[in-house]
Amino acid sequence: MGVFTIVVERHERALVVRDGTVARVLGPGRHRRERRSVYEHVDVRERITGVAAQEVLTADTVSVKVSAAVRWQVLDPVAYTAVADAEAVVYLAVQIALRDELATREVMDVVRSGRSDVGPALLAAAQPAGASVGIAVDDVVIKDIVLPAELRSAYADLITTRQRGLVQLEAARAESAALRSMANAARLLDEHPALAQLRMVQAATYGSTLVVDTGRRPAE
């Protein structure tokens, strides 16, 4: 940066402040300095801000800890620099919306579909708040949902019991199928005695002696 020029990087915008007022906004490139002007650089790259986990009461009075993440970028550098902490405005809007949304949902609904259902509501609250301070909010997502320890334990027991029941059901189905197969085989052998004899021959060990009754009696 020279004495008579100012360079604005491609991820920046520069505010030309003269006598305490923003005269204009400079885009990327090299610009000639103006007398009696102060230059304020603003980063307009996309950023992600995490919303720290907070305890929220659900509709069935269960306290859960929920954290979120906000993807945003500066859209209007003048409005962005006009407030002391523009990011805090969006942060607070997401916090309030998060509490309002979870207060209408039971804990199991939060666990099952909280990430997909609550995110759009948070985005709808964050976008107008961001627009008021020059921020474009692109997305808001739920990061983590942490249940109380006793509820996590109960939920784990429920899953274990459910899986055990599925295993037992599958074993019963396999046993029933085996019994049906044995019954069909027994009926087939009753209807075809020759098959029973053949099966007996196949099952005999090497060196065994088989006596086959043909039904005939020796002549006296």
Protein backbone atom coordinates (compact mmCIF):
# COMPACT_ATOMS: atom_id res chain seq x y z
CA MET A 1 0.00 0.00 0.00
CA GLY A 2 1.50 3.29 -1.07
CA VAL A 3 1.23 6.70 0.51
CA PHE A 4 -1.15 7.90 -2.21
CA THR A 5 -3.03 4.65 -2.93
CA ILE A 6 -5.03 2.06 -1.06
CA VAL A 7 -5.42 -1.61 -2.05
CA VAL A 8 -8.67 -3.45 -1.32
CA GLU A 9 -8.33 -7.25 -1.42
CA ARG A 10 -10.88 -9.39 -3.27
CA HIS A 11 -12.46 -10.57 0.00
CA GLU A 12 -12.82 -7.02 1.32
CA ARG A 13 -14.73 -3.84 0.93
CA ALA A 14 -13.33 -0.50 2.12
CA LEU A 15 -15.43 2.29 3.56
CA VAL A 16 -14.32 5.81 2.75
CA VAL A 17 -15.16 7.79 5.90
CA ARG A 18 -14.96 11.57 5.65
CA ASP A 19 -15.90 13.85 8.55
CA GLY A 20 -17.48 10.93 10.39
CA THR A 21 -19.72 9.93 7.48
CA VAL A 22 -19.35 7.08 5.00
CA ALA A 23 -18.81 8.76 1.66
CA ARG A 24 -18.64 5.63 -0.45
CA VAL A 25 -17.66 1.93 -0.52
CA LEU A 26 -14.62 0.75 -2.47
CA GLY A 27 -14.53 -2.65 -4.15
CA PRO A 28 -11.45 -4.84 -4.75
CA GLY A 29 -8.52 -3.15 -6.47
CA ARG A 30 -6.10 -0.22 -6.10
CA HIS A 31 -7.64 3.17 -5.35
CA ARG A 32 -6.24 6.70 -5.00
CA ARG A 33 -6.38 8.04 -1.47
CA GLU A 34 -8.58 11.03 -0.85
CA ARG A 35 -7.70 13.89 1.43
CA ARG A 36 -9.25 14.07 4.89
CA SER A 37 -10.59 10.49 4.49
CA VAL A 38 -10.25 7.45 6.75
CA TYR A 39 -10.49 3.94 5.26
CA GLU A 40 -12.17 1.11 7.11
CA HIS A 41 -11.72 -2.41 5.73
CA VAL A 42 -14.56 -4.95 6.09
CA ASP A 43 -14.14 -8.69 5.50
CA VAL A 44 -17.04 -9.98 3.40
CA ARG A 45 -16.04 -13.65 3.26
CA GLU A 46 -18.52 -16.32 4.31
CA ARG A 47 -18.14 -17.30 7.96
CA ILE A 48 -19.59 -19.82 10.40
CA THR A 49 -20.46 -18.84 13.94
CA GLY A 50 -21.29 -21.45 16.54
CA VAL A 51 -24.17 -20.87 18.94
CA ALA A 52 -23.02 -22.34 22.25
CA ALA A 53 -25.03 -25.16 23.79
CA GLN A 54 -27.83 -23.90 25.98
CA GLU A 55 -30.36 -25.66 28.18
CA VAL A 56 -33.87 -25.47 26.79
CA LEU A 57 -37.11 -26.86 28.23
CA THR A 58 -39.22 -28.90 25.83
CA ALA A 59 -43.02 -29.04 25.84
CA ASP A 60 -42.92 -32.03 28.22
CA THR A 61 -40.58 -30.12 30.59
CA VAL A 62 -37.42 -32.04 29.76
CA SER A 63 -34.23 -29.97 29.85
CA VAL A 64 -32.05 -30.60 26.79
CA LYS A 65 -28.83 -28.95 25.70
CA VAL A 66 -28.85 -27.77 22.08
CA SER A 67 -26.16 -26.07 20.02
CA ALA A 68 -26.39 -24.57 16.54
CA ALA A 69 -24.24 -23.08 13.79
CA VAL A 70 -24.92 -20.04 11.61
CA ARG A 71 -23.44 -19.59 8.11
CA TRP A 72 -23.34 -15.91 7.14
CA GLN A 73 -21.49 -13.13 5.37
CA VAL A 74 -21.49 -9.34 5.25
CA LEU A 75 -23.84 -8.04 2.58
CA ASP A 76 -23.95 -4.33 3.44
CA PRO A 77 -20.66 -3.06 4.94
CA VAL A 78 -22.19 0.30 5.87
CA ALA A 79 -25.02 -1.21 7.91
CA TYR A 80 -22.64 -3.83 9.34
CA THR A 81 -20.27 -1.22 10.77
CA ALA A 82 -23.07 1.04 11.99
CA VAL A 83 -23.68 -1.18 15.07
CA ALA A 84 -21.21 -2.15 17.76
CA ASP A 85 -21.66 -5.92 17.34
CA ALA A 86 -23.71 -6.97 14.32
CA GLU A 87 -22.99 -10.67 14.87
CA ALA A 88 -24.53 -10.50 18.35
CA VAL A 89 -27.84 -9.40 16.81
CA VAL A 90 -28.02 -12.59 14.73
CA TYR A 91 -26.72 -14.71 17.61
CA LEU A 92 -29.48 -13.47 19.92
CA ALA A 93 -32.18 -14.01 17.29
CA VAL A 94 -31.11 -17.64 16.86
CA GLN A 95 -31.05 -18.21 20.62
CA ILE A 96 -34.56 -16.84 21.10
CA ALA A 97 -35.95 -18.77 18.11
CA LEU A 98 -34.33 -21.95 19.37
CA ARG A 99 -36.04 -21.63 22.76
CA ASP A 100 -39.39 -20.77 21.18
CA GLU A 101 -39.27 -23.73 18.80
CA LEU A 102 -38.26 -26.37 21.34
CA ALA A 103 -40.82 -25.12 23.84
CA THR A 104 -43.56 -26.37 21.49
CA ARG A 105 -42.05 -29.83 20.90
CA GLU A 106 -41.79 -32.94 23.07
CA VAL A 107 -38.35 -34.34 23.69
CA MET A 108 -38.77 -37.42 21.46
CA ASP A 109 -39.84 -35.20 18.56
CA VAL A 110 -36.71 -33.12 19.12
CA VAL A 111 -34.52 -36.23 19.05
CA ARG A 112 -36.16 -37.75 15.97
CA SER A 113 -36.58 -34.71 13.72
CA GLY A 114 -35.12 -31.72 15.56
CA ARG A 115 -32.29 -31.15 13.11
CA SER A 116 -34.48 -31.21 10.02
CA ASP A 117 -37.53 -29.41 11.45
CA VAL A 118 -36.05 -26.75 13.72
CA GLY A 119 -33.31 -25.50 11.37
CA PRO A 120 -35.67 -23.79 8.86
CA ALA A 121 -37.48 -21.99 11.69
CA LEU A 122 -34.18 -20.69 13.05
CA LEU A 123 -33.17 -19.52 9.58
CA ALA A 124 -36.48 -17.68 9.18
CA ALA A 125 -35.80 -15.81 12.43
CA ALA A 126 -32.13 -15.13 11.74
CA GLN A 127 -32.47 -13.72 8.21
CA PRO A 128 -34.48 -10.57 9.02
CA ALA A 129 -32.33 -9.95 12.10
CA GLY A 130 -29.21 -10.20 9.94
CA ALA A 131 -30.64 -8.02 7.20
CA SER A 132 -31.19 -5.22 9.72
CA VAL A 133 -27.43 -5.07 10.39
CA GLY A 134 -26.10 -5.77 6.89
CA ILE A 135 -25.65 -9.53 7.29
CA ALA A 136 -26.92 -12.19 4.87
CA VAL A 137 -27.67 -15.40 6.81
CA ASP A 138 -27.35 -18.34 4.42
CA ASP A 139 -28.13 -21.24 6.75
CA VAL A 140 -28.74 -22.22 10.36
CA VAL A 141 -28.33 -25.84 11.47
CA ILE A 142 -28.70 -27.74 14.74
CA LYS A 143 -25.33 -29.23 15.68
CA ASP A 144 -25.90 -31.25 18.86
CA ILE A 145 -28.87 -32.33 20.95
CA VAL A 146 -27.83 -33.66 24.37
CA LEU A 147 -30.41 -35.37 26.58
CA PRO A 148 -30.16 -35.65 30.37
CA ALA A 149 -28.10 -38.66 31.52
CA GLU A 150 -31.07 -40.56 32.96
CA LEU A 151 -33.08 -40.08 29.78
CA ARG A 152 -30.16 -41.24 27.62
CA SER A 153 -29.91 -44.36 29.78
CA ALA A 154 -33.64 -45.05 29.50
CA TYR A 155 -33.55 -44.52 25.75
CA ALA A 156 -30.58 -46.89 25.43
CA ASP A 157 -32.48 -49.53 27.44
CA LEU A 158 -35.47 -49.09 25.14
CA ILE A 159 -33.32 -49.61 22.05
CA THR A 160 -31.66 -52.68 23.62
CA THR A 161 -35.02 -54.20 24.53
CA ARG A 162 -36.36 -53.54 21.05
CA GLN A 163 -33.34 -55.16 19.41
CA ARG A 164 -33.55 -58.15 21.74
CA GLY A 165 -37.21 -58.57 20.81
CA LEU A 166 -36.32 -58.48 17.10
CA VAL A 167 -33.68 -61.18 17.64
CA GLN A 168 -36.15 -63.37 19.51
CA LEU A 169 -38.78 -62.87 16.81
CA GLU A 170 -36.30 -63.82 14.10
CA ALA A 171 -35.30 -66.95 16.06
CA ALA A 172 -38.97 -67.93 16.44
CA ARG A 173 -39.51 -67.45 12.70
CA ALA A 174 -36.49 -69.63 11.91
CA GLU A 175 -37.70 -72.36 14.29
CA SER A 176 -41.19 -72.25 12.79
CA ALA A 177 -39.74 -72.55 9.29
CA ALA A 178 -37.63 -75.53 10.39
CA LEU A 179 -40.66 -77.27 11.89
CA ARG A 180 -42.67 -76.71 8.71
CA SER A 181 -39.82 -78.14 6.68
CA MET A 182 -39.61 -81.22 8.92
CA ALA A 183 -43.39 -81.74 8.72
CA ASN A 184 -43.30 -81.52 4.92
CA ALA A 185 -40.42 -83.98 4.80
CA ALA A 186 -42.22 -86.45 7.11
CA ARG A 187 -45.38 -86.27 4.99
CA LEU A 188 -43.35 -86.87 1.84
CA LEU A 189 -41.66 -89.94 3.34
CA ASP A 190 -45.03 -91.34 4.46
CA GLU A 191 -46.41 -90.98 0.96
CA HIS A 192 -43.30 -92.44 -0.71
CA PRO A 193 -41.75 -95.31 1.35
CA ALA A 194 -39.03 -95.80 -1.27
CA LEU A 195 -37.72 -92.33 -0.45
CA ALA A 196 -37.54 -93.28 3.22
CA GLN A 197 -35.44 -96.31 2.37
CA LEU A 198 -33.18 -94.24 0.12
CA ARG A 199 -32.74 -91.68 2.88
CA MET A 200 -31.83 -94.44 5.29
CA VAL A 201 -29.17 -95.73 2.90
CA GLN A 202 -27.73 -92.24 2.55
CA ALA A 203 -27.62 -91.79 6.31
CA ALA A 204 -25.94 -95.12 7.02
CA THR A 205 -22.23 -95.05 7.90
CA TYR A 206 -19.61 -96.92 5.95
CA GLY A 207 -19.61 -100.65 6.78
CA SER A 208 -23.15 -100.73 8.15
CA THR A 209 -25.45 -103.66 7.31
CA LEU A 210 -28.93 -102.81 6.15
CA VAL A 211 -31.82 -105.24 6.12
CA VAL A 212 -34.58 -104.21 3.75
CA ASP A 213 -38.05 -105.66 4.28
CA THR A 214 -39.64 -106.12 0.86
CA GLY A 215 -42.87 -107.43 2.35
CA ARG A 216 -42.40 -110.96 0.93
CA ARG A 217 -42.37 -114.09 3.14
CA PRO A 218 -40.20 -117.15 2.40
CA ALA A 219 -42.05 -120.22 1.12
CA GLU A 220 -42.61 -122.97 3.71
